Each structure stands twice: as C-alpha cells, then as structure tokens.
C-alpha atoms as a PDB file:
ATOM      1  CA  MET A   1      76.476  48.970  44.468  1.00  0.00           C
ATOM      2  CA  THR A   2      74.258  49.482  47.896  1.00  0.00           C
ATOM      3  CA  ASP A   3      77.059  51.748  50.298  1.00  0.00           C
ATOM      4  CA  TYR A   4      76.184  54.360  47.951  1.00  0.00           C
ATOM      5  CA  LYS A   5      78.029  56.862  50.743  1.00  0.00           C
ATOM      6  CA  ASN A   6      80.800  54.896  51.446  1.00  0.00           C
ATOM      7  CA  ALA A   7      81.601  54.556  47.486  1.00  0.00           C
ATOM      8  CA  VAL A   8      81.437  58.717  47.647  1.00  0.00           C
ATOM      9  CA  GLN A   9      83.333  58.305  50.325  1.00  0.00           C
ATOM     10  CA  GLU A  10      86.007  56.807  48.971  1.00  0.00           C
ATOM     11  CA  VAL A  11      86.058  58.591  45.669  1.00  0.00           C
ATOM     12  CA  ILE A  12      86.483  62.028  48.141  1.00  0.00           C
ATOM     13  CA  ASP A  13      89.599  59.978  49.766  1.00  0.00           C
ATOM     14  CA  GLY A  14      91.206  59.271  46.214  1.00  0.00           C
ATOM     15  CA  ASN A  15      91.008  55.592  47.087  1.00  0.00           C
ATOM     16  CA  ILE A  16      88.561  54.954  44.540  1.00  0.00           C
ATOM     17  CA  ASN A  17      88.574  56.294  39.827  1.00  0.00           C
ATOM     18  CA  PRO A  18      85.459  58.472  40.641  1.00  0.00           C
ATOM     19  CA  LEU A  19      84.776  57.504  37.063  1.00  0.00           C
ATOM     20  CA  GLU A  20      83.966  54.418  37.890  1.00  0.00           C
ATOM     21  CA  VAL A  21      81.427  55.473  40.848  1.00  0.00           C
ATOM     22  CA  TYR A  22      80.157  57.950  38.923  1.00  0.00           C
ATOM     23  CA  ALA A  23      78.570  55.233  35.905  1.00  0.00           C
ATOM     24  CA  LYS A  24      77.563  52.454  38.889  1.00  0.00           C
ATOM     25  CA  LEU A  25      75.490  55.248  39.951  1.00  0.00           C
ATOM     26  CA  LYS A  26      74.485  56.550  37.225  1.00  0.00           C
ATOM     27  CA  LYS A  27      73.493  53.009  35.823  1.00  0.00           C
ATOM     28  CA  GLU A  28      71.552  52.386  39.337  1.00  0.00           C
ATOM     29  CA  ILE A  29      69.762  55.340  39.031  1.00  0.00           C
ATOM     30  CA  LYS A  30      68.375  54.746  35.584  1.00  0.00           C
ATOM     31  CA  GLU A  31      67.321  51.229  37.074  1.00  0.00           C
ATOM     32  CA  LEU A  32      65.605  52.725  39.673  1.00  0.00           C
ATOM     33  CA  THR A  33      64.034  55.017  38.190  1.00  0.00           C
ATOM     34  CA  GLU A  34      62.305  52.086  35.731  1.00  0.00           C
ATOM     35  CA  CYS A  35      61.835  50.133  38.515  1.00  0.00           C
ATOM     36  CA  LEU A  36      59.721  53.007  40.057  1.00  0.00           C
ATOM     37  CA  SER A  37      57.933  53.604  37.063  1.00  0.00           C
ATOM     38  CA  LEU A  38      56.526  50.201  37.000  1.00  0.00           C
ATOM     39  CA  ILE A  39      55.447  49.941  40.386  1.00  0.00           C
ATOM     40  CA  SER A  40      54.285  53.889  40.582  1.00  0.00           C
ATOM     41  CA  ASP A  41      50.617  52.820  39.423  1.00  0.00           C
ATOM     42  CA  TYR A  42      50.129  49.873  42.088  1.00  0.00           C
ATOM     43  CA  ALA A  43      51.693  52.242  44.620  1.00  0.00           C
ATOM     44  CA  VAL A  44      48.950  55.236  43.790  1.00  0.00           C
ATOM     45  CA  GLU A  45      46.315  52.409  43.563  1.00  0.00           C
ATOM     46  CA  GLU A  46      47.279  51.160  46.705  1.00  0.00           C
ATOM     47  CA  ALA A  47      47.890  54.318  48.674  1.00  0.00           C
ATOM     48  CA  LEU A  48      43.877  55.138  47.467  1.00  0.00           C
ATOM     49  CA  LYS A  49      42.376  52.428  49.287  1.00  0.00           C
ATOM     50  CA  MET A  50      43.457  54.424  52.784  1.00  0.00           C
ATOM     51  CA  ASP A  51      41.105  56.107  54.868  1.00  0.00           C
ATOM     52  CA  SER A  52      42.530  59.702  54.519  1.00  0.00           C
ATOM     53  CA  LYS A  53      45.129  61.160  51.496  1.00  0.00           C
ATOM     54  CA  THR A  54      47.715  61.680  54.010  1.00  0.00           C
ATOM     55  CA  PHE A  55      48.615  58.503  55.986  1.00  0.00           C
ATOM     56  CA  GLU A  56      51.693  56.927  57.637  1.00  0.00           C
ATOM     57  CA  LEU A  57      52.656  53.555  57.201  1.00  0.00           C
ATOM     58  CA  LYS A  58      56.027  51.267  58.266  1.00  0.00           C
ATOM     59  CA  GLY A  59      57.632  54.854  59.468  1.00  0.00           C
ATOM     60  CA  TYR A  60      56.944  56.496  56.003  1.00  0.00           C
ATOM     61  CA  LYS A  61      54.155  59.620  55.616  1.00  0.00           C
ATOM     62  CA  PHE A  62      52.343  58.916  52.702  1.00  0.00           C
ATOM     63  CA  GLU A  63      50.438  61.637  50.621  1.00  0.00           C
ATOM     64  CA  VAL A  64      48.300  60.828  47.851  1.00  0.00           C
ATOM     65  CA  ARG A  65      47.445  64.015  45.186  1.00  0.00           C
ATOM     66  CA  ASN A  66      45.663  64.553  42.333  1.00  0.00           C
ATOM     67  CA  GLY A  67      47.363  64.771  39.170  1.00  0.00           C
ATOM     68  CA  SER A  68      47.468  68.438  37.376  1.00  0.00           C
ATOM     69  CA  ALA A  69      46.581  70.278  34.942  1.00  0.00           C
ATOM     70  CA  ARG A  70      48.089  70.111  31.805  1.00  0.00           C
ATOM     71  CA  TYR A  71      46.996  72.207  29.030  1.00  0.00           C
ATOM     72  CA  SER A  72      48.329  72.275  25.549  1.00  0.00           C
ATOM     73  CA  PHE A  73      47.606  75.443  23.084  1.00  0.00           C
ATOM     74  CA  LYS A  74      48.696  73.458  19.468  1.00  0.00           C
ATOM     75  CA  ASN A  75      45.461  73.127  18.041  1.00  0.00           C
ATOM     76  CA  ILE A  76      44.630  77.135  18.567  1.00  0.00           C
ATOM     77  CA  PRO A  77      45.590  78.916  15.483  1.00  0.00           C
ATOM     78  CA  GLU A  78      46.501  82.071  16.592  1.00  0.00           C
ATOM     79  CA  TRP A  79      48.664  80.227  19.244  1.00  0.00           C
ATOM     80  CA  SER A  80      50.908  78.831  16.925  1.00  0.00           C
ATOM     81  CA  GLU A  81      51.110  81.779  14.408  1.00  0.00           C
ATOM     82  CA  LYS A  82      52.758  83.628  17.598  1.00  0.00           C
ATOM     83  CA  GLN A  83      54.376  80.469  18.011  1.00  0.00           C
ATOM     84  CA  LYS A  84      56.431  80.708  14.968  1.00  0.00           C
ATOM     85  CA  GLU A  85      57.251  84.408  15.326  1.00  0.00           C
ATOM     86  CA  LEU A  86      58.774  83.931  18.401  1.00  0.00           C
ATOM     87  CA  LYS A  87      61.046  80.779  17.194  1.00  0.00           C
ATOM     88  CA  GLU A  88      61.777  83.202  14.205  1.00  0.00           C
ATOM     89  CA  ILE A  89      62.556  86.296  16.580  1.00  0.00           C
ATOM     90  CA  GLU A  90      65.054  83.649  19.111  1.00  0.00           C
ATOM     91  CA  SER A  91      66.398  82.588  15.448  1.00  0.00           C
ATOM     92  CA  ILE A  92      67.492  85.934  14.758  1.00  0.00           C
ATOM     93  CA  ALA A  93      68.572  86.843  18.229  1.00  0.00           C
ATOM     94  CA  LYS A  94      70.536  83.710  18.162  1.00  0.00           C
ATOM     95  CA  ILE A  95      72.426  84.694  15.120  1.00  0.00           C
ATOM     96  CA  ALA A  96      73.189  88.134  16.027  1.00  0.00           C
ATOM     97  CA  TYR A  97      74.767  86.461  19.370  1.00  0.00           C
ATOM     98  CA  SER A  98      77.221  84.234  17.523  1.00  0.00           C
ATOM     99  CA  SER A  99      78.045  87.407  15.234  1.00  0.00           C
ATOM    100  CA  TYR A 100      78.911  89.498  18.421  1.00  0.00           C
ATOM    101  CA  GLN A 101      81.217  86.462  19.282  1.00  0.00           C
ATOM    102  CA  LYS A 102      83.124  87.056  16.486  1.00  0.00           C
ATOM    103  CA  GLY A 103      83.131  90.766  16.394  1.00  0.00           C
ATOM    104  CA  VAL A 104      80.093  91.577  14.377  1.00  0.00           C
ATOM    105  CA  THR A 105      77.039  93.743  14.826  1.00  0.00           C
ATOM    106  CA  THR A 106      73.916  92.633  13.098  1.00  0.00           C
ATOM    107  CA  LEU A 107      71.344  94.963  12.016  1.00  0.00           C
ATOM    108  CA  SER A 108      67.476  94.384  11.549  1.00  0.00           C
ATOM    109  CA  GLN A 109      66.276  94.713   8.073  1.00  0.00           C
ATOM    110  CA  ASP A 110      65.274  98.518   9.867  1.00  0.00           C
ATOM    111  CA  ALA A 111      69.060  98.839  10.254  1.00  0.00           C
ATOM    112  CA  GLU A 112      68.765  98.707  13.807  1.00  0.00           C
ATOM    113  CA  ILE A 113      70.770  96.985  16.194  1.00  0.00           C
ATOM    114  CA  VAL A 114      69.468  93.430  17.160  1.00  0.00           C
ATOM    115  CA  ALA A 115      68.912  93.269  20.982  1.00  0.00           C
ATOM    116  CA  LEU A 116      71.021  90.144  22.046  1.00  0.00           C
ATOM    117  CA  PRO A 117      69.548  87.042  23.832  1.00  0.00           C
ATOM    118  CA  GLU A 118      71.233  86.868  27.926  1.00  0.00           C
ATOM    119  CA  VAL A 119      73.400  83.368  27.689  1.00  0.00           C
ATOM    120  CA  THR A 120      73.985  81.128  30.800  1.00  0.00           C
ATOM    121  CA  TYR A 121      75.445  78.010  30.275  1.00  0.00           C
ATOM    122  CA  SER A 122      75.109  75.129  32.403  1.00  0.00           C
ATOM    123  CA  LYS A 123      77.525  73.586  33.890  1.00  0.00           C
ATOM    124  CA  ASP A 124      79.746  70.323  32.235  1.00  0.00           C
ATOM    125  CA  VAL A 125      79.017  67.129  32.365  1.00  0.00           C
ATOM    126  CA  VAL A 126      80.115  63.681  31.867  1.00  0.00           C
ATOM    127  CA  VAL A 127      78.161  61.248  30.048  1.00  0.00           C
ATOM    128  CA  VAL A 128      77.952  57.487  30.237  1.00  0.00           C
ATOM    129  CA  LYS A 129      77.287  54.682  28.541  1.00  0.00           C
ATOM    130  CA  GLU A 130      77.292  51.096  29.090  1.00  0.00           C
ATOM    131  CA  LEU A 131      79.196  49.223  26.466  1.00  0.00           C
END
C-alpha cells in the first residue's frame, strides 16, 4: 500500500473495510520502523560529516542532536527501598479501588480509609496480528 491518504479517504467514504486498511497500515508502520532502525546509525554518521549540526539537503532540513542522558538509580539501596515502599502503597490503593467499585470500603491497619488512586482509561484499540 503506497497511497495512504487515498486509502484513508476510501475508508471514510465507506468504500473499503476499515479493518483491512488498519491492518495494512499497522504492518507498513512496523516495516518502516524496522527499516529506520537499521539505517539510523548510518544517517547519523553521514550527518556528522556535514559542516554544521543544522543543514539542508534535497529539500529537507536536518539537525544533529546529542543523545540525552539516562539515569538509573537501581544500584542505590535507598532508592530501591523507597521503590518497594511505593509499589506496596500502589498495590494497596489498587486493591482499595477494586473494592470501592464493588461497594466495599477498604481500611488501613490503622482503621483509616485507604485513599483511592485517580483512574483514567486509555481509548480502545484494535490489535492486529498477521496470520
């Protein structure tokens, strides 16, 4: 499928089954993402050969950005302990929310009402797997 916008319009117009187009587009996205991943290092290498971090080439503007720092605190004992505490609080709050949905109020060990988490739901999605 190469004419994506036309396919989308055909779905909107009711001429094509949306599930068919959805599946094909999801497959295209997966394949394109894999292709980009395979050539990403080559593109960065080529871009670094340019005189500037920002340049234009064949109608496109490119910008080379430095990778961002990623921090992991898992090796810090105090952090790991606090993470365990947070997970326990979250678990208790989830159980309390589940009970609340059934009309039951959950109390803590100190006989206080357990605070409920704020719950939001993401929108429904269709999962596609090729046979």
